[in-house]
Amino acid sequence: MKPSKKKKLILSLIKDDLINSKLVNGLNNFGVLAENYYLHLSETVFEFMDFKCTTTQKEKLFGRYIRLTEKAKDIDISSKKSLDKLTLEIYEELCIRGKKE
């Protein structure tokens, strides 16, 4: 897969994960037990990013990813600009930290 195509796919997966997380968290806040409806797209993101690091380092990076996705609760996901900005922030953070780890 071409690097540009791969990046586009990863960004799309991250964006979908943000939307799904916001939906599930919103339902949970309303008292609907929706935790079984997470799509676990983060696992696919990590698979595509193919980090060359230890399991412990991947776990730390995954924790960072989860903390970053929690920012979705504070944005209006109907705003393409806000959602794209957060998506790119998460992608870039993973790229930077994935190389350091």
PDB file of N, CA and C in Angstrom:
ATOM      1  N   MET A   1       0.843  -1.174   0.000  1.00  0.00           N
ATOM      2  CA  MET A   1       0.000   0.000   0.000  1.00  0.00           C
ATOM      3  C   MET A   1       0.890   1.239   0.000  1.00  0.00           C
ATOM      4  N   LYS A   2       0.531   2.214  -0.813  1.00  0.00           N
ATOM      5  CA  LYS A   2       1.285   3.463  -0.874  1.00  0.00           C
ATOM      6  C   LYS A   2       1.196   4.186   0.465  1.00  0.00           C
ATOM      7  N   PRO A   3       2.304   4.817   0.881  1.00  0.00           N
ATOM      8  CA  PRO A   3       2.295   5.523   2.168  1.00  0.00           C
ATOM      9  C   PRO A   3       1.183   6.569   2.284  1.00  0.00           C
ATOM     10  N   SER A   4       0.906   7.296   1.212  1.00  0.00           N
ATOM     11  CA  SER A   4      -0.137   8.326   1.279  1.00  0.00           C
ATOM     12  C   SER A   4      -1.522   7.695   1.449  1.00  0.00           C
ATOM     13  N   LYS A   5      -1.742   6.567   0.803  1.00  0.00           N
ATOM     14  CA  LYS A   5      -3.018   5.847   0.928  1.00  0.00           C
ATOM     15  C   LYS A   5      -3.157   5.287   2.345  1.00  0.00           C
ATOM     16  N   LYS A   6      -2.049   4.767   2.875  1.00  0.00           N
ATOM     17  CA  LYS A   6      -2.046   4.198   4.220  1.00  0.00           C
ATOM     18  C   LYS A   6      -2.343   5.287   5.261  1.00  0.00           C
ATOM     19  N   LYS A   7      -1.716   6.446   5.111  1.00  0.00           N
ATOM     20  CA  LYS A   7      -1.954   7.551   6.039  1.00  0.00           C
ATOM     21  C   LYS A   7      -3.426   7.970   5.990  1.00  0.00           C
ATOM     22  N   LYS A   8      -3.973   8.078   4.793  1.00  0.00           N
ATOM     23  CA  LYS A   8      -5.377   8.470   4.634  1.00  0.00           C
ATOM     24  C   LYS A   8      -6.303   7.460   5.327  1.00  0.00           C
ATOM     25  N   LEU A   9      -5.993   6.182   5.183  1.00  0.00           N
ATOM     26  CA  LEU A   9      -6.783   5.138   5.822  1.00  0.00           C
ATOM     27  C   LEU A   9      -6.682   5.226   7.347  1.00  0.00           C
ATOM     28  N   ILE A  10      -5.485   5.427   7.860  1.00  0.00           N
ATOM     29  CA  ILE A  10      -5.282   5.537   9.314  1.00  0.00           C
ATOM     30  C   ILE A  10      -6.031   6.751   9.865  1.00  0.00           C
ATOM     31  N   LEU A  11      -5.946   7.879   9.162  1.00  0.00           N
ATOM     32  CA  LEU A  11      -6.673   9.079   9.599  1.00  0.00           C
ATOM     33  C   LEU A  11      -8.176   8.821   9.619  1.00  0.00           C
ATOM     34  N   SER A  12      -8.673   8.122   8.634  1.00  0.00           N
ATOM     35  CA  SER A  12     -10.095   7.788   8.580  1.00  0.00           C
ATOM     36  C   SER A  12     -10.492   6.886   9.748  1.00  0.00           C
ATOM     37  N   LEU A  13      -9.662   5.921  10.068  1.00  0.00           N
ATOM     38  CA  LEU A  13      -9.942   5.023  11.193  1.00  0.00           C
ATOM     39  C   LEU A  13      -9.943   5.776  12.530  1.00  0.00           C
ATOM     40  N   ILE A  14      -8.985   6.678  12.687  1.00  0.00           N
ATOM     41  CA  ILE A  14      -8.924   7.472  13.921  1.00  0.00           C
ATOM     42  C   ILE A  14     -10.179   8.336  14.039  1.00  0.00           C
ATOM     43  N   LYS A  15     -10.572   8.972  12.946  1.00  0.00           N
ATOM     44  CA  LYS A  15     -11.765   9.818  12.963  1.00  0.00           C
ATOM     45  C   LYS A  15     -13.005   8.988  13.317  1.00  0.00           C
ATOM     46  N   ASP A  16     -13.130   7.816  12.706  1.00  0.00           N
ATOM     47  CA  ASP A  16     -14.267   6.944  13.013  1.00  0.00           C
ATOM     48  C   ASP A  16     -14.238   6.497  14.474  1.00  0.00           C
ATOM     49  N   ASP A  17     -13.049   6.258  15.001  1.00  0.00           N
ATOM     50  CA  ASP A  17     -12.919   5.870  16.402  1.00  0.00           C
ATOM     51  C   ASP A  17     -13.368   7.005  17.321  1.00  0.00           C
ATOM     52  N   LEU A  18     -13.012   8.237  16.962  1.00  0.00           N
ATOM     53  CA  LEU A  18     -13.433   9.396  17.756  1.00  0.00           C
ATOM     54  C   LEU A  18     -14.951   9.539  17.767  1.00  0.00           C
ATOM     55  N   ILE A  19     -15.562   9.379  16.596  1.00  0.00           N
ATOM     56  CA  ILE A  19     -17.014   9.497  16.497  1.00  0.00           C
ATOM     57  C   ILE A  19     -17.697   8.392  17.307  1.00  0.00           C
ATOM     58  N   ASN A  20     -17.204   7.157  17.158  1.00  0.00           N
ATOM     59  CA  ASN A  20     -17.782   6.037  17.896  1.00  0.00           C
ATOM     60  C   ASN A  20     -17.613   6.222  19.404  1.00  0.00           C
ATOM     61  N   SER A  21     -16.439   6.651  19.822  1.00  0.00           N
ATOM     62  CA  SER A  21     -16.184   6.855  21.253  1.00  0.00           C
ATOM     63  C   SER A  21     -17.098   7.935  21.824  1.00  0.00           C
ATOM     64  N   LYS A  22     -17.271   9.015  21.072  1.00  0.00           N
ATOM     65  CA  LYS A  22     -18.143  10.088  21.543  1.00  0.00           C
ATOM     66  C   LYS A  22     -19.581   9.582  21.679  1.00  0.00           C
ATOM     67  N   LEU A  23     -20.030   8.804  20.730  1.00  0.00           N
ATOM     68  CA  LEU A  23     -21.382   8.248  20.784  1.00  0.00           C
ATOM     69  C   LEU A  23     -21.552   7.325  21.987  1.00  0.00           C
ATOM     70  N   VAL A  24     -20.638   6.386  22.146  1.00  0.00           N
ATOM     71  CA  VAL A  24     -20.743   5.418  23.249  1.00  0.00           C
ATOM     72  C   VAL A  24     -20.648   6.126  24.596  1.00  0.00           C
ATOM     73  N   ASN A  25     -19.713   7.064  24.723  1.00  0.00           N
ATOM     74  CA  ASN A  25     -19.575   7.793  25.989  1.00  0.00           C
ATOM     75  C   ASN A  25     -20.812   8.635  26.280  1.00  0.00           C
ATOM     76  N   GLY A  26     -21.384   9.244  25.228  1.00  0.00           N
ATOM     77  CA  GLY A  26     -22.609  10.025  25.404  1.00  0.00           C
ATOM     78  C   GLY A  26     -23.763   9.157  25.879  1.00  0.00           C
ATOM     79  N   LEU A  27     -23.909   7.990  25.280  1.00  0.00           N
ATOM     80  CA  LEU A  27     -24.961   7.067  25.708  1.00  0.00           C
ATOM     81  C   LEU A  27     -24.745   6.622  27.155  1.00  0.00           C
ATOM     82  N   ASN A  28     -23.494   6.339  27.503  1.00  0.00           N
ATOM     83  CA  ASN A  28     -23.188   5.954  28.885  1.00  0.00           C
ATOM     84  C   ASN A  28     -23.560   7.071  29.862  1.00  0.00           C
ATOM     85  N   ASN A  29     -23.294   8.323  29.457  1.00  0.00           N
ATOM     86  CA  ASN A  29     -23.630   9.469  30.317  1.00  0.00           C
ATOM     87  C   ASN A  29     -25.132   9.602  30.524  1.00  0.00           C
ATOM     88  N   PHE A  30     -25.924   9.136  29.576  1.00  0.00           N
ATOM     89  CA  PHE A  30     -27.381   9.161  29.700  1.00  0.00           C
ATOM     90  C   PHE A  30     -27.924   7.936  30.414  1.00  0.00           C
ATOM     91  N   GLY A  31     -27.032   7.083  30.886  1.00  0.00           N
ATOM     92  CA  GLY A  31     -27.458   5.913  31.641  1.00  0.00           C
ATOM     93  C   GLY A  31     -27.688   4.672  30.800  1.00  0.00           C
ATOM     94  N   VAL A  32     -27.385   4.741  29.522  1.00  0.00           N
ATOM     95  CA  VAL A  32     -27.525   3.576  28.648  1.00  0.00           C
ATOM     96  C   VAL A  32     -26.195   2.822  28.674  1.00  0.00           C
ATOM     97  N   LEU A  33     -26.228   1.573  29.038  1.00  0.00           N
ATOM     98  CA  LEU A  33     -24.997   0.781  29.069  1.00  0.00           C
ATOM     99  C   LEU A  33     -24.611   0.414  27.636  1.00  0.00           C
ATOM    100  N   ALA A  34     -23.688   1.191  27.081  1.00  0.00           N
ATOM    101  CA  ALA A  34     -23.335   1.038  25.668  1.00  0.00           C
ATOM    102  C   ALA A  34     -21.881   0.616  25.469  1.00  0.00           C
ATOM    103  N   GLU A  35     -21.203   0.253  26.535  1.00  0.00           N
ATOM    104  CA  GLU A  35     -19.778  -0.060  26.439  1.00  0.00           C
ATOM    105  C   GLU A  35     -19.469  -1.230  25.503  1.00  0.00           C
ATOM    106  N   ASN A  36     -20.434  -2.095  25.271  1.00  0.00           N
ATOM    107  CA  ASN A  36     -20.214  -3.219  24.358  1.00  0.00           C
ATOM    108  C   ASN A  36     -20.236  -2.797  22.900  1.00  0.00           C
ATOM    109  N   TYR A  37     -20.491  -1.516  22.641  1.00  0.00           N
ATOM    110  CA  TYR A  37     -20.609  -1.040  21.265  1.00  0.00           C
ATOM    111  C   TYR A  37     -19.375  -0.290  20.769  1.00  0.00           C
ATOM    112  N   TYR A  38     -18.309  -0.296  21.545  1.00  0.00           N
ATOM    113  CA  TYR A  38     -17.051   0.251  21.030  1.00  0.00           C
ATOM    114  C   TYR A  38     -16.602  -0.607  19.861  1.00  0.00           C
ATOM    115  N   LEU A  39     -16.090   0.020  18.822  1.00  0.00           N
ATOM    116  CA  LEU A  39     -15.666  -0.706  17.625  1.00  0.00           C
ATOM    117  C   LEU A  39     -14.223  -1.213  17.706  1.00  0.00           C
ATOM    118  N   HIS A  40     -13.482  -0.756  18.686  1.00  0.00           N
ATOM    119  CA  HIS A  40     -12.082  -1.166  18.878  1.00  0.00           C
ATOM    120  C   HIS A  40     -11.237  -0.865  17.642  1.00  0.00           C
ATOM    121  N   LEU A  41     -11.496   0.273  17.031  1.00  0.00           N
ATOM    122  CA  LEU A  41     -10.739   0.678  15.849  1.00  0.00           C
ATOM    123  C   LEU A  41      -9.291   1.001  16.189  1.00  0.00           C
ATOM    124  N   SER A  42      -9.040   1.298  17.452  1.00  0.00           N
ATOM    125  CA  SER A  42      -7.671   1.608  17.866  1.00  0.00           C
ATOM    126  C   SER A  42      -6.728   0.440  17.573  1.00  0.00           C
ATOM    127  N   GLU A  43      -7.228  -0.771  17.728  1.00  0.00           N
ATOM    128  CA  GLU A  43      -6.404  -1.946  17.442  1.00  0.00           C
ATOM    129  C   GLU A  43      -6.015  -1.988  15.969  1.00  0.00           C
ATOM    130  N   THR A  44      -6.941  -1.620  15.101  1.00  0.00           N
ATOM    131  CA  THR A  44      -6.667  -1.588  13.666  1.00  0.00           C
ATOM    132  C   THR A  44      -5.691  -0.461  13.338  1.00  0.00           C
ATOM    133  N   VAL A  45      -5.867   0.682  13.974  1.00  0.00           N
ATOM    134  CA  VAL A  45      -4.939   1.805  13.784  1.00  0.00           C
ATOM    135  C   VAL A  45      -3.528   1.370  14.122  1.00  0.00           C
ATOM    136  N   PHE A  46      -3.371   0.731  15.273  1.00  0.00           N
ATOM    137  CA  PHE A  46      -2.042   0.309  15.712  1.00  0.00           C
ATOM    138  C   PHE A  46      -1.454  -0.754  14.779  1.00  0.00           C
ATOM    139  N   GLU A  47      -2.299  -1.605  14.258  1.00  0.00           N
ATOM    140  CA  GLU A  47      -1.834  -2.631  13.318  1.00  0.00           C
ATOM    141  C   GLU A  47      -1.301  -1.983  12.047  1.00  0.00           C
ATOM    142  N   PHE A  48      -2.022  -1.014  11.531  1.00  0.00           N
ATOM    143  CA  PHE A  48      -1.602  -0.333  10.302  1.00  0.00           C
ATOM    144  C   PHE A  48      -0.364   0.529  10.517  1.00  0.00           C
ATOM    145  N   MET A  49      -0.212   1.085  11.709  1.00  0.00           N
ATOM    146  CA  MET A  49       0.939   1.953  11.959  1.00  0.00           C
ATOM    147  C   MET A  49       2.215   1.145  12.162  1.00  0.00           C
ATOM    148  N   ASP A  50       2.069  -0.129  12.491  1.00  0.00           N
ATOM    149  CA  ASP A  50       3.197  -1.051  12.542  1.00  0.00           C
ATOM    150  C   ASP A  50       4.388  -0.499  13.330  1.00  0.00           C
ATOM    151  N   PHE A  51       4.135  -0.186  14.599  1.00  0.00           N
ATOM    152  CA  PHE A  51       5.194   0.345  15.457  1.00  0.00           C
ATOM    153  C   PHE A  51       6.256  -0.711  15.720  1.00  0.00           C
ATOM    154  N   LYS A  52       7.488  -0.298  15.672  1.00  0.00           N
ATOM    155  CA  LYS A  52       8.613  -1.188  15.950  1.00  0.00           C
ATOM    156  C   LYS A  52       9.082  -0.938  17.388  1.00  0.00           C
ATOM    157  N   CYS A  53       8.335  -1.448  18.337  1.00  0.00           N
ATOM    158  CA  CYS A  53       8.695  -1.252  19.736  1.00  0.00           C
ATOM    159  C   CYS A  53       8.228  -2.452  20.547  1.00  0.00           C
ATOM    160  N   THR A  54       8.643  -2.477  21.793  1.00  0.00           N
ATOM    161  CA  THR A  54       8.297  -3.591  22.669  1.00  0.00           C
ATOM    162  C   THR A  54       6.818  -3.547  23.045  1.00  0.00           C
ATOM    163  N   THR A  55       6.350  -4.630  23.587  1.00  0.00           N
ATOM    164  CA  THR A  55       4.958  -4.712  24.025  1.00  0.00           C
ATOM    165  C   THR A  55       4.673  -3.661  25.091  1.00  0.00           C
ATOM    166  N   THR A  56       5.579  -3.475  26.023  1.00  0.00           N
ATOM    167  CA  THR A  56       5.409  -2.475  27.076  1.00  0.00           C
ATOM    168  C   THR A  56       5.323  -1.077  26.484  1.00  0.00           C
ATOM    169  N   GLN A  57       6.167  -0.796  25.523  1.00  0.00           N
ATOM    170  CA  GLN A  57       6.149   0.521  24.877  1.00  0.00           C
ATOM    171  C   GLN A  57       4.847   0.721  24.099  1.00  0.00           C
ATOM    172  N   LYS A  58       4.371  -0.334  23.447  1.00  0.00           N
ATOM    173  CA  LYS A  58       3.099  -0.247  22.722  1.00  0.00           C
ATOM    174  C   LYS A  58       1.948   0.012  23.688  1.00  0.00           C
ATOM    175  N   GLU A  59       1.998  -0.619  24.853  1.00  0.00           N
ATOM    176  CA  GLU A  59       0.945  -0.423  25.851  1.00  0.00           C
ATOM    177  C   GLU A  59       0.917   1.029  26.333  1.00  0.00           C
ATOM    178  N   LYS A  60       2.091   1.617  26.530  1.00  0.00           N
ATOM    179  CA  LYS A  60       2.170   3.025  26.929  1.00  0.00           C
ATOM    180  C   LYS A  60       1.608   3.916  25.824  1.00  0.00           C
ATOM    181  N   LEU A  61       1.978   3.603  24.605  1.00  0.00           N
ATOM    182  CA  LEU A  61       1.504   4.365  23.459  1.00  0.00           C
ATOM    183  C   LEU A  61      -0.014   4.234  23.306  1.00  0.00           C
ATOM    184  N   PHE A  62      -0.519   3.043  23.554  1.00  0.00           N
ATOM    185  CA  PHE A  62      -1.960   2.811  23.487  1.00  0.00           C
ATOM    186  C   PHE A  62      -2.682   3.633  24.554  1.00  0.00           C
ATOM    187  N   GLY A  63      -2.114   3.683  25.754  1.00  0.00           N
ATOM    188  CA  GLY A  63      -2.685   4.505  26.825  1.00  0.00           C
ATOM    189  C   GLY A  63      -2.726   5.973  26.432  1.00  0.00           C
ATOM    190  N   ARG A  64      -1.670   6.425  25.776  1.00  0.00           N
ATOM    191  CA  ARG A  64      -1.619   7.809  25.291  1.00  0.00           C
ATOM    192  C   ARG A  64      -2.713   8.028  24.244  1.00  0.00           C
ATOM    193  N   TYR A  65      -2.886   7.064  23.357  1.00  0.00           N
ATOM    194  CA  TYR A  65      -3.926   7.154  22.326  1.00  0.00           C
ATOM    195  C   TYR A  65      -5.304   7.298  22.981  1.00  0.00           C
ATOM    196  N   ILE A  66      -5.576   6.481  23.964  1.00  0.00           N
ATOM    197  CA  ILE A  66      -6.869   6.531  24.650  1.00  0.00           C
ATOM    198  C   ILE A  66      -7.080   7.899  25.302  1.00  0.00           C
ATOM    199  N   ARG A  67      -6.050   8.424  25.953  1.00  0.00           N
ATOM    200  CA  ARG A  67      -6.168   9.745  26.592  1.00  0.00           C
ATOM    201  C   ARG A  67      -6.440  10.835  25.546  1.00  0.00           C
ATOM    202  N   LEU A  68      -5.787  10.721  24.399  1.00  0.00           N
ATOM    203  CA  LEU A  68      -6.010  11.709  23.339  1.00  0.00           C
ATOM    204  C   LEU A  68      -7.421  11.613  22.765  1.00  0.00           C
ATOM    205  N   THR A  69      -7.934  10.396  22.621  1.00  0.00           N
ATOM    206  CA  THR A  69      -9.288  10.250  22.073  1.00  0.00           C
ATOM    207  C   THR A  69     -10.348  10.795  23.032  1.00  0.00           C
ATOM    208  N   GLU A  70     -10.016  10.869  24.305  1.00  0.00           N
ATOM    209  CA  GLU A  70     -10.960  11.417  25.283  1.00  0.00           C
ATOM    210  C   GLU A  70     -11.232  12.898  25.041  1.00  0.00           C
ATOM    211  N   LYS A  71     -10.362  13.548  24.287  1.00  0.00           N
ATOM    212  CA  LYS A  71     -10.575  14.953  23.941  1.00  0.00           C
ATOM    213  C   LYS A  71     -11.818  15.132  23.075  1.00  0.00           C
ATOM    214  N   ALA A  72     -12.266  14.067  22.450  1.00  0.00           N
ATOM    215  CA  ALA A  72     -13.449  14.141  21.583  1.00  0.00           C
ATOM    216  C   ALA A  72     -14.684  14.579  22.359  1.00  0.00           C
ATOM    217  N   LYS A  73     -14.708  14.303  23.657  1.00  0.00           N
ATOM    218  CA  LYS A  73     -15.881  14.688  24.453  1.00  0.00           C
ATOM    219  C   LYS A  73     -16.038  16.201  24.513  1.00  0.00           C
ATOM    220  N   ASP A  74     -14.947  16.936  24.278  1.00  0.00           N
ATOM    221  CA  ASP A  74     -14.978  18.395  24.387  1.00  0.00           C
ATOM    222  C   ASP A  74     -15.149  19.107  23.051  1.00  0.00           C
ATOM    223  N   ILE A  75     -15.273  18.367  21.964  1.00  0.00           N
ATOM    224  CA  ILE A  75     -15.425  19.024  20.668  1.00  0.00           C
ATOM    225  C   ILE A  75     -16.782  18.700  20.053  1.00  0.00           C
ATOM    226  N   ASP A  76     -17.186  19.557  19.144  1.00  0.00           N
ATOM    227  CA  ASP A  76     -18.407  19.343  18.379  1.00  0.00           C
ATOM    228  C   ASP A  76     -18.011  18.514  17.159  1.00  0.00           C
ATOM    229  N   ILE A  77     -18.356  17.230  17.176  1.00  0.00           N
ATOM    230  CA  ILE A  77     -17.910  16.365  16.086  1.00  0.00           C
ATOM    231  C   ILE A  77     -18.637  16.653  14.779  1.00  0.00           C
ATOM    232  N   SER A  78     -19.697  17.456  14.838  1.00  0.00           N
ATOM    233  CA  SER A  78     -20.344  17.849  13.590  1.00  0.00           C
ATOM    234  C   SER A  78     -19.526  18.921  12.875  1.00  0.00           C
ATOM    235  N   SER A  79     -18.562  19.492  13.588  1.00  0.00           N
ATOM    236  CA  SER A  79     -17.645  20.457  12.988  1.00  0.00           C
ATOM    237  C   SER A  79     -16.478  19.686  12.364  1.00  0.00           C
ATOM    238  N   LYS A  80     -16.487  19.621  11.037  1.00  0.00           N
ATOM    239  CA  LYS A  80     -15.439  18.879  10.331  1.00  0.00           C
ATOM    240  C   LYS A  80     -14.051  19.398  10.700  1.00  0.00           C
ATOM    241  N   LYS A  81     -13.933  20.709  10.852  1.00  0.00           N
ATOM    242  CA  LYS A  81     -12.644  21.317  11.172  1.00  0.00           C
ATOM    243  C   LYS A  81     -12.113  20.830  12.524  1.00  0.00           C
ATOM    244  N   SER A  82     -12.964  20.844  13.543  1.00  0.00           N
ATOM    245  CA  SER A  82     -12.549  20.404  14.887  1.00  0.00           C
ATOM    246  C   SER A  82     -12.192  18.925  14.901  1.00  0.00           C
ATOM    247  N   LEU A  83     -13.008  18.125  14.241  1.00  0.00           N
ATOM    248  CA  LEU A  83     -12.767  16.684  14.207  1.00  0.00           C
ATOM    249  C   LEU A  83     -11.494  16.357  13.433  1.00  0.00           C
ATOM    250  N   ASP A  84     -11.292  17.013  12.300  1.00  0.00           N
ATOM    251  CA  ASP A  84     -10.081  16.781  11.507  1.00  0.00           C
ATOM    252  C   ASP A  84      -8.830  17.218  12.264  1.00  0.00           C
ATOM    253  N   LYS A  85      -8.947  18.323  13.000  1.00  0.00           N
ATOM    254  CA  LYS A  85      -7.806  18.827  13.778  1.00  0.00           C
ATOM    255  C   LYS A  85      -7.394  17.817  14.852  1.00  0.00           C
ATOM    256  N   LEU A  86      -8.370  17.299  15.584  1.00  0.00           N
ATOM    257  CA  LEU A  86      -8.078  16.314  16.630  1.00  0.00           C
ATOM    258  C   LEU A  86      -7.542  15.020  16.016  1.00  0.00           C
ATOM    259  N   THR A  87      -8.121  14.606  14.912  1.00  0.00           N
ATOM    260  CA  THR A  87      -7.664  13.393  14.225  1.00  0.00           C
ATOM    261  C   THR A  87      -6.203  13.522  13.843  1.00  0.00           C
ATOM    262  N   LEU A  88      -5.838  14.642  13.239  1.00  0.00           N
ATOM    263  CA  LEU A  88      -4.452  14.862  12.816  1.00  0.00           C
ATOM    264  C   LEU A  88      -3.522  14.965  14.022  1.00  0.00           C
ATOM    265  N   GLU A  89      -3.984  15.608  15.085  1.00  0.00           N
ATOM    266  CA  GLU A  89      -3.179  15.719  16.310  1.00  0.00           C
ATOM    267  C   GLU A  89      -2.838  14.323  16.850  1.00  0.00           C
ATOM    268  N   ILE A  90      -3.824  13.458  16.886  1.00  0.00           N
ATOM    269  CA  ILE A  90      -3.611  12.104  17.393  1.00  0.00           C
ATOM    270  C   ILE A  90      -2.649  11.345  16.483  1.00  0.00           C
ATOM    271  N   TYR A  91      -2.854  11.431  15.186  1.00  0.00           N
ATOM    272  CA  TYR A  91      -1.981  10.739  14.231  1.00  0.00           C
ATOM    273  C   TYR A  91      -0.538  11.198  14.392  1.00  0.00           C
ATOM    274  N   GLU A  92      -0.330  12.500  14.433  1.00  0.00           N
ATOM    275  CA  GLU A  92       1.027  13.038  14.552  1.00  0.00           C
ATOM    276  C   GLU A  92       1.679  12.642  15.869  1.00  0.00           C
ATOM    277  N   GLU A  93       0.900  12.661  16.938  1.00  0.00           N
ATOM    278  CA  GLU A  93       1.413  12.249  18.247  1.00  0.00           C
ATOM    279  C   GLU A  93       1.854  10.781  18.223  1.00  0.00           C
ATOM    280  N   LEU A  94       1.044   9.943  17.604  1.00  0.00           N
ATOM    281  CA  LEU A  94       1.407   8.528  17.492  1.00  0.00           C
ATOM    282  C   LEU A  94       2.679   8.356  16.671  1.00  0.00           C
ATOM    283  N   CYS A  95       2.789   9.104  15.590  1.00  0.00           N
ATOM    284  CA  CYS A  95       3.987   9.011  14.743  1.00  0.00           C
ATOM    285  C   CYS A  95       5.243   9.409  15.516  1.00  0.00           C
ATOM    286  N   ILE A  96       5.137  10.519  16.239  1.00  0.00           N
ATOM    287  CA  ILE A  96       6.290  11.015  16.997  1.00  0.00           C
ATOM    288  C   ILE A  96       6.656  10.065  18.127  1.00  0.00           C
ATOM    289  N   ARG A  97       5.663   9.719  18.946  1.00  0.00           N
ATOM    290  CA  ARG A  97       5.928   8.842  20.102  1.00  0.00           C
ATOM    291  C   ARG A  97       6.273   7.423  19.679  1.00  0.00           C
ATOM    292  N   GLY A  98       5.698   6.977  18.594  1.00  0.00           N
ATOM    293  CA  GLY A  98       5.974   5.619  18.092  1.00  0.00           C
ATOM    294  C   GLY A  98       7.417   5.446  17.675  1.00  0.00           C
ATOM    295  N   LYS A  99       8.017   6.532  17.224  1.00  0.00           N
ATOM    296  CA  LYS A  99       9.432   6.484  16.834  1.00  0.00           C
ATOM    297  C   LYS A  99      10.340   6.549  18.050  1.00  0.00           C
ATOM    298  N   LYS A 100       9.900   7.280  19.087  1.00  0.00           N
ATOM    299  CA  LYS A 100      10.699   7.423  20.308  1.00  0.00           C
ATOM    300  C   LYS A 100      10.662   6.163  21.148  1.00  0.00           C
ATOM    301  N   GLU A 101       9.492   5.548  21.202  1.00  0.00           N
ATOM    302  CA  GLU A 101       9.270   4.413  22.113  1.00  0.00           C
ATOM    303  C   GLU A 101      10.171   3.248  21.754  1.00  0.00           C
TER     304      GLU A 101
END
